Each structure stands twice: as structure tokens, then as C-alpha cells.
Amino acid sequence: MNQFEMIVMIVAIVSVASIARAKYGIVRRHRGEELVQRGPDPEAERLRAELKALKDRVAVLERLATDSSSALEREFDRLRERA
């Protein structure tokens, strides 16, 4: 194996290792520190839940705005009975 082949093999191994780390979400914080697995971001999960709740509210408001007046009155009566 000559020097050129050795350099190509080293570059290939480093590239494959970098791709594998990126795929599995493994991060190296500082040189020599152990590898750390990235977990789910709690802030992102909270924002997803809030977005879903807001989408549900908008869907209800759209339905109330587009329904006929009799359907709207029935919906208000049903909500009053619940409270």
C-alpha cells in the first residue's frame, strides 16, 4: 500500500465516521471529551404541543365563523349546558 492509498483510506474512514455520528445524533463537545447523545429538545416539544392546541382552536373558530346561524346557536346552547 503506497502513501496515496493510505491517505485515501484515512479520509474515507473519517468521512464514514462523521456521517454515522451525524445520522445517530452524536456530538463531541470538546476535544478528548466523551461522546454525548443528543436527546429530544423539551422546548421544541413544548412548542409543538402549543402549536397543535392553537391549530385546534383556530379550527373551532373557523367552524363557528362559517356555520349557519342556527348551527351557531345550537353550539352556544351546548356550551352553556356544559358550563
PDB file of N, CA and C in Angstrom:
ATOM      1  N   MET A   1       0.852  -1.173   0.000  1.00  0.00           N
ATOM      2  CA  MET A   1       0.000   0.000   0.000  1.00  0.00           C
ATOM      3  C   MET A   1       0.900   1.239   0.000  1.00  0.00           C
ATOM      4  N   ASN A   2       0.729   2.111  -0.984  1.00  0.00           N
ATOM      5  CA  ASN A   2       1.577   3.298  -1.036  1.00  0.00           C
ATOM      6  C   ASN A   2       0.953   4.438  -0.217  1.00  0.00           C
ATOM      7  N   GLN A   3       1.630   5.563  -0.180  1.00  0.00           N
ATOM      8  CA  GLN A   3       1.174   6.690   0.656  1.00  0.00           C
ATOM      9  C   GLN A   3      -0.158   7.246   0.180  1.00  0.00           C
ATOM     10  N   PHE A   4      -0.354   7.334  -1.136  1.00  0.00           N
ATOM     11  CA  PHE A   4      -1.604   7.878  -1.662  1.00  0.00           C
ATOM     12  C   PHE A   4      -2.798   7.021  -1.241  1.00  0.00           C
ATOM     13  N   GLU A   5      -2.679   5.709  -1.349  1.00  0.00           N
ATOM     14  CA  GLU A   5      -3.756   4.809  -0.937  1.00  0.00           C
ATOM     15  C   GLU A   5      -4.040   4.930   0.561  1.00  0.00           C
ATOM     16  N   MET A   6      -2.994   5.093   1.342  1.00  0.00           N
ATOM     17  CA  MET A   6      -3.157   5.244   2.795  1.00  0.00           C
ATOM     18  C   MET A   6      -3.945   6.516   3.120  1.00  0.00           C
ATOM     19  N   ILE A   7      -3.604   7.611   2.451  1.00  0.00           N
ATOM     20  CA  ILE A   7      -4.307   8.880   2.691  1.00  0.00           C
ATOM     21  C   ILE A   7      -5.776   8.763   2.289  1.00  0.00           C
ATOM     22  N   VAL A   8      -6.042   8.122   1.151  1.00  0.00           N
ATOM     23  CA  VAL A   8      -7.427   7.942   0.700  1.00  0.00           C
ATOM     24  C   VAL A   8      -8.211   7.097   1.703  1.00  0.00           C
ATOM     25  N   MET A   9      -7.612   6.049   2.240  1.00  0.00           N
ATOM     26  CA  MET A   9      -8.286   5.192   3.227  1.00  0.00           C
ATOM     27  C   MET A   9      -8.591   5.972   4.510  1.00  0.00           C
ATOM     28  N   ILE A  10      -7.645   6.765   4.965  1.00  0.00           N
ATOM     29  CA  ILE A  10      -7.861   7.553   6.187  1.00  0.00           C
ATOM     30  C   ILE A  10      -8.996   8.545   5.981  1.00  0.00           C
ATOM     31  N   VAL A  11      -9.007   9.244   4.849  1.00  0.00           N
ATOM     32  CA  VAL A  11     -10.070  10.207   4.554  1.00  0.00           C
ATOM     33  C   VAL A  11     -11.423   9.492   4.480  1.00  0.00           C
ATOM     34  N   ALA A  12     -11.467   8.331   3.851  1.00  0.00           N
ATOM     35  CA  ALA A  12     -12.710   7.575   3.732  1.00  0.00           C
ATOM     36  C   ALA A  12     -13.228   7.141   5.104  1.00  0.00           C
ATOM     37  N   ILE A  13     -12.355   6.658   5.959  1.00  0.00           N
ATOM     38  CA  ILE A  13     -12.762   6.217   7.293  1.00  0.00           C
ATOM     39  C   ILE A  13     -13.294   7.386   8.112  1.00  0.00           C
ATOM     40  N   VAL A  14     -12.614   8.524   8.070  1.00  0.00           N
ATOM     41  CA  VAL A  14     -13.065   9.703   8.809  1.00  0.00           C
ATOM     42  C   VAL A  14     -14.418  10.184   8.284  1.00  0.00           C
ATOM     43  N   SER A  15     -14.599  10.153   6.967  1.00  0.00           N
ATOM     44  CA  SER A  15     -15.862  10.591   6.371  1.00  0.00           C
ATOM     45  C   SER A  15     -17.017   9.687   6.799  1.00  0.00           C
ATOM     46  N   VAL A  16     -16.810   8.389   6.751  1.00  0.00           N
ATOM     47  CA  VAL A  16     -17.855   7.444   7.151  1.00  0.00           C
ATOM     48  C   VAL A  16     -18.188   7.618   8.632  1.00  0.00           C
ATOM     49  N   ALA A  17     -17.194   7.823   9.457  1.00  0.00           N
ATOM     50  CA  ALA A  17     -17.439   8.024  10.886  1.00  0.00           C
ATOM     51  C   ALA A  17     -18.208   9.317  11.135  1.00  0.00           C
ATOM     52  N   SER A  18     -17.905  10.378  10.410  1.00  0.00           N
ATOM     53  CA  SER A  18     -18.620  11.646  10.573  1.00  0.00           C
ATOM     54  C   SER A  18     -20.083  11.510  10.151  1.00  0.00           C
ATOM     55  N   ILE A  19     -20.318  10.813   9.059  1.00  0.00           N
ATOM     56  CA  ILE A  19     -21.694  10.595   8.599  1.00  0.00           C
ATOM     57  C   ILE A  19     -22.470   9.769   9.620  1.00  0.00           C
ATOM     58  N   ALA A  20     -21.848   8.740  10.178  1.00  0.00           N
ATOM     59  CA  ALA A  20     -22.517   7.901  11.172  1.00  0.00           C
ATOM     60  C   ALA A  20     -22.850   8.716  12.432  1.00  0.00           C
ATOM     61  N   ARG A  21     -21.930   9.573  12.884  1.00  0.00           N
ATOM     62  CA  ARG A  21     -22.198  10.411  14.059  1.00  0.00           C
ATOM     63  C   ARG A  21     -23.353  11.356  13.796  1.00  0.00           C
ATOM     64  N   ALA A  22     -23.384  11.948  12.608  1.00  0.00           N
ATOM     65  CA  ALA A  22     -24.461  12.885  12.273  1.00  0.00           C
ATOM     66  C   ALA A  22     -25.800  12.162  12.191  1.00  0.00           C
ATOM     67  N   LYS A  23     -25.809  10.968  11.636  1.00  0.00           N
ATOM     68  CA  LYS A  23     -27.057  10.217  11.489  1.00  0.00           C
ATOM     69  C   LYS A  23     -27.639   9.834  12.844  1.00  0.00           C
ATOM     70  N   TYR A  24     -26.806   9.434  13.765  1.00  0.00           N
ATOM     71  CA  TYR A  24     -27.283   8.992  15.071  1.00  0.00           C
ATOM     72  C   TYR A  24     -27.316  10.112  16.109  1.00  0.00           C
ATOM     73  N   GLY A  25     -26.999  11.333  15.726  1.00  0.00           N
ATOM     74  CA  GLY A  25     -27.109  12.482  16.617  1.00  0.00           C
ATOM     75  C   GLY A  25     -26.075  12.521  17.719  1.00  0.00           C
ATOM     76  N   ILE A  26     -24.894  12.028  17.456  1.00  0.00           N
ATOM     77  CA  ILE A  26     -23.836  12.019  18.470  1.00  0.00           C
ATOM     78  C   ILE A  26     -22.966  13.252  18.257  1.00  0.00           C
ATOM     79  N   VAL A  27     -22.675  13.955  19.352  1.00  0.00           N
ATOM     80  CA  VAL A  27     -21.916  15.204  19.272  1.00  0.00           C
ATOM     81  C   VAL A  27     -20.682  15.095  20.154  1.00  0.00           C
ATOM     82  N   ARG A  28     -19.595  15.680  19.710  1.00  0.00           N
ATOM     83  CA  ARG A  28     -18.389  15.750  20.526  1.00  0.00           C
ATOM     84  C   ARG A  28     -18.273  17.190  20.995  1.00  0.00           C
ATOM     85  N   ARG A  29     -18.324  17.410  22.309  1.00  0.00           N
ATOM     86  CA  ARG A  29     -18.322  18.775  22.838  1.00  0.00           C
ATOM     87  C   ARG A  29     -16.954  19.428  22.744  1.00  0.00           C
ATOM     88  N   HIS A  30     -15.953  18.810  23.326  1.00  0.00           N
ATOM     89  CA  HIS A  30     -14.588  19.347  23.303  1.00  0.00           C
ATOM     90  C   HIS A  30     -13.646  18.213  22.965  1.00  0.00           C
ATOM     91  N   ARG A  31     -12.480  18.584  22.557  1.00  0.00           N
ATOM     92  CA  ARG A  31     -11.514  17.560  22.173  1.00  0.00           C
ATOM     93  C   ARG A  31     -11.187  16.679  23.373  1.00  0.00           C
ATOM     94  N   GLY A  32     -11.308  15.371  23.180  1.00  0.00           N
ATOM     95  CA  GLY A  32     -10.987  14.422  24.237  1.00  0.00           C
ATOM     96  C   GLY A  32     -12.147  14.106  25.162  1.00  0.00           C
ATOM     97  N   GLU A  33     -13.218  14.876  25.102  1.00  0.00           N
ATOM     98  CA  GLU A  33     -14.377  14.602  25.966  1.00  0.00           C
ATOM     99  C   GLU A  33     -15.190  13.473  25.339  1.00  0.00           C
ATOM    100  N   GLU A  34     -15.856  12.721  26.178  1.00  0.00           N
ATOM    101  CA  GLU A  34     -16.617  11.585  25.665  1.00  0.00           C
ATOM    102  C   GLU A  34     -17.765  12.052  24.765  1.00  0.00           C
ATOM    103  N   LEU A  35     -18.233  11.147  23.941  1.00  0.00           N
ATOM    104  CA  LEU A  35     -19.329  11.463  23.024  1.00  0.00           C
ATOM    105  C   LEU A  35     -20.639  11.548  23.796  1.00  0.00           C
ATOM    106  N   VAL A  36     -21.479  12.482  23.408  1.00  0.00           N
ATOM    107  CA  VAL A  36     -22.737  12.719  24.098  1.00  0.00           C
ATOM    108  C   VAL A  36     -23.874  12.518  23.108  1.00  0.00           C
ATOM    109  N   GLN A  37     -24.863  11.740  23.497  1.00  0.00           N
ATOM    110  CA  GLN A  37     -26.038  11.515  22.655  1.00  0.00           C
ATOM    111  C   GLN A  37     -27.015  12.673  22.827  1.00  0.00           C
ATOM    112  N   ARG A  38     -27.432  13.273  21.715  1.00  0.00           N
ATOM    113  CA  ARG A  38     -28.414  14.347  21.783  1.00  0.00           C
ATOM    114  C   ARG A  38     -29.791  13.747  21.993  1.00  0.00           C
ATOM    115  N   GLY A  39     -30.519  14.271  22.942  1.00  0.00           N
ATOM    116  CA  GLY A  39     -31.872  13.806  23.207  1.00  0.00           C
ATOM    117  C   GLY A  39     -32.888  14.757  22.619  1.00  0.00           C
ATOM    118  N   PRO A  40     -34.166  14.448  22.804  1.00  0.00           N
ATOM    119  CA  PRO A  40     -35.200  15.344  22.299  1.00  0.00           C
ATOM    120  C   PRO A  40     -35.166  16.673  23.051  1.00  0.00           C
ATOM    121  N   ASP A  41     -35.395  17.735  22.330  1.00  0.00           N
ATOM    122  CA  ASP A  41     -35.366  19.079  22.904  1.00  0.00           C
ATOM    123  C   ASP A  41     -36.701  19.357  23.580  1.00  0.00           C
ATOM    124  N   PRO A  42     -36.725  19.588  24.901  1.00  0.00           N
ATOM    125  CA  PRO A  42     -38.005  19.821  25.595  1.00  0.00           C
ATOM    126  C   PRO A  42     -38.685  21.105  25.123  1.00  0.00           C
ATOM    127  N   GLU A  43     -37.920  22.100  24.750  1.00  0.00           N
ATOM    128  CA  GLU A  43     -38.510  23.351  24.262  1.00  0.00           C
ATOM    129  C   GLU A  43     -39.237  23.119  22.941  1.00  0.00           C
ATOM    130  N   ALA A  44     -38.646  22.319  22.065  1.00  0.00           N
ATOM    131  CA  ALA A  44     -39.287  22.017  20.781  1.00  0.00           C
ATOM    132  C   ALA A  44     -40.576  21.222  20.997  1.00  0.00           C
ATOM    133  N   GLU A  45     -40.551  20.284  21.931  1.00  0.00           N
ATOM    134  CA  GLU A  45     -41.762  19.504  22.226  1.00  0.00           C
ATOM    135  C   GLU A  45     -42.862  20.399  22.782  1.00  0.00           C
ATOM    136  N   ARG A  46     -42.499  21.348  23.648  1.00  0.00           N
ATOM    137  CA  ARG A  46     -43.487  22.264  24.209  1.00  0.00           C
ATOM    138  C   ARG A  46     -44.092  23.131  23.113  1.00  0.00           C
ATOM    139  N   LEU A  47     -43.248  23.596  22.205  1.00  0.00           N
ATOM    140  CA  LEU A  47     -43.740  24.427  21.109  1.00  0.00           C
ATOM    141  C   LEU A  47     -44.631  23.637  20.158  1.00  0.00           C
ATOM    142  N   ARG A  48     -44.309  22.371  19.928  1.00  0.00           N
ATOM    143  CA  ARG A  48     -45.174  21.535  19.084  1.00  0.00           C
ATOM    144  C   ARG A  48     -46.548  21.356  19.721  1.00  0.00           C
ATOM    145  N   ALA A  49     -46.571  21.117  21.031  1.00  0.00           N
ATOM    146  CA  ALA A  49     -47.849  20.945  21.724  1.00  0.00           C
ATOM    147  C   ALA A  49     -48.663  22.242  21.684  1.00  0.00           C
ATOM    148  N   GLU A  50     -47.996  23.367  21.878  1.00  0.00           N
ATOM    149  CA  GLU A  50     -48.692  24.648  21.833  1.00  0.00           C
ATOM    150  C   GLU A  50     -49.228  24.926  20.427  1.00  0.00           C
ATOM    151  N   LEU A  51     -48.457  24.605  19.411  1.00  0.00           N
ATOM    152  CA  LEU A  51     -48.906  24.799  18.034  1.00  0.00           C
ATOM    153  C   LEU A  51     -50.121  23.938  17.731  1.00  0.00           C
ATOM    154  N   LYS A  52     -50.130  22.694  18.216  1.00  0.00           N
ATOM    155  CA  LYS A  52     -51.284  21.815  17.995  1.00  0.00           C
ATOM    156  C   LYS A  52     -52.520  22.378  18.672  1.00  0.00           C
ATOM    157  N   ALA A  53     -52.362  22.880  19.896  1.00  0.00           N
ATOM    158  CA  ALA A  53     -53.505  23.462  20.606  1.00  0.00           C
ATOM    159  C   ALA A  53     -54.037  24.685  19.869  1.00  0.00           C
ATOM    160  N   LEU A  54     -53.145  25.513  19.359  1.00  0.00           N
ATOM    161  CA  LEU A  54     -53.576  26.704  18.622  1.00  0.00           C
ATOM    162  C   LEU A  54     -54.268  26.325  17.319  1.00  0.00           C
ATOM    163  N   LYS A  55     -53.778  25.299  16.645  1.00  0.00           N
ATOM    164  CA  LYS A  55     -54.437  24.849  15.416  1.00  0.00           C
ATOM    165  C   LYS A  55     -55.845  24.334  15.710  1.00  0.00           C
ATOM    166  N   ASP A  56     -55.993  23.624  16.826  1.00  0.00           N
ATOM    167  CA  ASP A  56     -57.323  23.145  17.213  1.00  0.00           C
ATOM    168  C   ASP A  56     -58.263  24.315  17.490  1.00  0.00           C
ATOM    169  N   ARG A  57     -57.766  25.330  18.167  1.00  0.00           N
ATOM    170  CA  ARG A  57     -58.595  26.499  18.468  1.00  0.00           C
ATOM    171  C   ARG A  57     -58.998  27.247  17.198  1.00  0.00           C
ATOM    172  N   VAL A  58     -58.061  27.378  16.271  1.00  0.00           N
ATOM    173  CA  VAL A  58     -58.370  28.059  15.013  1.00  0.00           C
ATOM    174  C   VAL A  58     -59.407  27.259  14.232  1.00  0.00           C
ATOM    175  N   ALA A  59     -59.309  25.934  14.244  1.00  0.00           N
ATOM    176  CA  ALA A  59     -60.291  25.105  13.544  1.00  0.00           C
ATOM    177  C   ALA A  59     -61.684  25.317  14.121  1.00  0.00           C
ATOM    178  N   VAL A  60     -61.787  25.408  15.436  1.00  0.00           N
ATOM    179  CA  VAL A  60     -63.089  25.648  16.067  1.00  0.00           C
ATOM    180  C   VAL A  60     -63.608  27.028  15.684  1.00  0.00           C
ATOM    181  N   LEU A  61     -62.738  28.030  15.716  1.00  0.00           N
ATOM    182  CA  LEU A  61     -63.169  29.384  15.343  1.00  0.00           C
ATOM    183  C   LEU A  61     -63.599  29.453  13.878  1.00  0.00           C
ATOM    184  N   GLU A  62     -62.896  28.768  13.000  1.00  0.00           N
ATOM    185  CA  GLU A  62     -63.292  28.739  11.594  1.00  0.00           C
ATOM    186  C   GLU A  62     -64.650  28.078  11.421  1.00  0.00           C
ATOM    187  N   ARG A  63     -64.852  26.989  12.137  1.00  0.00           N
ATOM    188  CA  ARG A  63     -66.138  26.295  12.045  1.00  0.00           C
ATOM    189  C   ARG A  63     -67.262  27.184  12.546  1.00  0.00           C
ATOM    190  N   LEU A  64     -67.027  27.891  13.654  1.00  0.00           N
ATOM    191  CA  LEU A  64     -68.065  28.786  14.191  1.00  0.00           C
ATOM    192  C   LEU A  64     -68.340  29.950  13.236  1.00  0.00           C
ATOM    193  N   ALA A  65     -67.307  30.445  12.585  1.00  0.00           N
ATOM    194  CA  ALA A  65     -67.479  31.583  11.688  1.00  0.00           C
ATOM    195  C   ALA A  65     -68.185  31.195  10.391  1.00  0.00           C
ATOM    196  N   THR A  66     -68.029  29.963   9.943  1.00  0.00           N
ATOM    197  CA  THR A  66     -68.607  29.558   8.666  1.00  0.00           C
ATOM    198  C   THR A  66     -69.933  28.828   8.794  1.00  0.00           C
ATOM    199  N   ASP A  67     -70.300  28.376   9.983  1.00  0.00           N
ATOM    200  CA  ASP A  67     -71.581  27.676  10.165  1.00  0.00           C
ATOM    201  C   ASP A  67     -72.742  28.649  10.028  1.00  0.00           C
ATOM    202  N   SER A  68     -73.900  28.082   9.741  1.00  0.00           N
ATOM    203  CA  SER A  68     -75.107  28.915   9.670  1.00  0.00           C
ATOM    204  C   SER A  68     -75.465  29.399  11.067  1.00  0.00           C
ATOM    205  N   SER A  69     -76.310  30.391  11.149  1.00  0.00           N
ATOM    206  CA  SER A  69     -76.647  30.989  12.454  1.00  0.00           C
ATOM    207  C   SER A  69     -77.364  29.991  13.359  1.00  0.00           C
ATOM    208  N   SER A  70     -78.202  29.111  12.801  1.00  0.00           N
ATOM    209  CA  SER A  70     -78.895  28.133  13.647  1.00  0.00           C
ATOM    210  C   SER A  70     -77.895  27.134  14.239  1.00  0.00           C
ATOM    211  N   ALA A  71     -76.918  26.716  13.449  1.00  0.00           N
ATOM    212  CA  ALA A  71     -75.901  25.803  13.966  1.00  0.00           C
ATOM    213  C   ALA A  71     -75.072  26.494  15.030  1.00  0.00           C
ATOM    214  N   LEU A  72     -74.806  27.789  14.829  1.00  0.00           N
ATOM    215  CA  LEU A  72     -74.045  28.556  15.803  1.00  0.00           C
ATOM    216  C   LEU A  72     -74.799  28.665  17.118  1.00  0.00           C
ATOM    217  N   GLU A  73     -76.095  28.908  17.044  1.00  0.00           N
ATOM    218  CA  GLU A  73     -76.908  28.986  18.267  1.00  0.00           C
ATOM    219  C   GLU A  73     -76.933  27.655  18.997  1.00  0.00           C
ATOM    220  N   ARG A  74     -77.050  26.550  18.246  1.00  0.00           N
ATOM    221  CA  ARG A  74     -77.033  25.221  18.886  1.00  0.00           C
ATOM    222  C   ARG A  74     -75.700  24.977  19.580  1.00  0.00           C
ATOM    223  N   GLU A  75     -74.607  25.405  18.957  1.00  0.00           N
ATOM    224  CA  GLU A  75     -73.279  25.231  19.560  1.00  0.00           C
ATOM    225  C   GLU A  75     -73.158  26.038  20.852  1.00  0.00           C
ATOM    226  N   PHE A  76     -73.640  27.287  20.841  1.00  0.00           N
ATOM    227  CA  PHE A  76     -73.601  28.102  22.056  1.00  0.00           C
ATOM    228  C   PHE A  76     -74.466  27.480  23.153  1.00  0.00           C
ATOM    229  N   ASP A  77     -75.636  26.977  22.795  1.00  0.00           N
ATOM    230  CA  ASP A  77     -76.502  26.328  23.786  1.00  0.00           C
ATOM    231  C   ASP A  77     -75.814  25.104  24.378  1.00  0.00           C
ATOM    232  N   ARG A  78     -75.164  24.317  23.535  1.00  0.00           N
ATOM    233  CA  ARG A  78     -74.464  23.132  24.020  1.00  0.00           C
ATOM    234  C   ARG A  78     -73.334  23.523  24.964  1.00  0.00           C
ATOM    235  N   LEU A  79     -72.640  24.597  24.645  1.00  0.00           N
ATOM    236  CA  LEU A  79     -71.544  25.036  25.515  1.00  0.00           C
ATOM    237  C   LEU A  79     -72.074  25.602  26.830  1.00  0.00           C
ATOM    238  N   ARG A  80     -73.198  26.279  26.785  1.00  0.00           N
ATOM    239  CA  ARG A  80     -73.790  26.801  28.019  1.00  0.00           C
ATOM    240  C   ARG A  80     -74.232  25.674  28.940  1.00  0.00           C
ATOM    241  N   GLU A  81     -74.760  24.596  28.355  1.00  0.00           N
ATOM    242  CA  GLU A  81     -75.194  23.452  29.154  1.00  0.00           C
ATOM    243  C   GLU A  81     -74.015  22.782  29.840  1.00  0.00           C
ATOM    244  N   ARG A  82     -72.863  22.788  29.184  1.00  0.00           N
ATOM    245  CA  ARG A  82     -71.667  22.185  29.753  1.00  0.00           C
ATOM    246  C   ARG A  82     -71.158  22.965  30.963  1.00  0.00           C
ATOM    247  N   ALA A  83     -71.285  24.284  30.917  1.00  0.00           N
ATOM    248  CA  ALA A  83     -70.726  25.126  31.975  1.00  0.00           C
ATOM    249  C   ALA A  83     -71.587  25.192  33.179  1.00  0.00           C
TER     250      ALA A  83
END
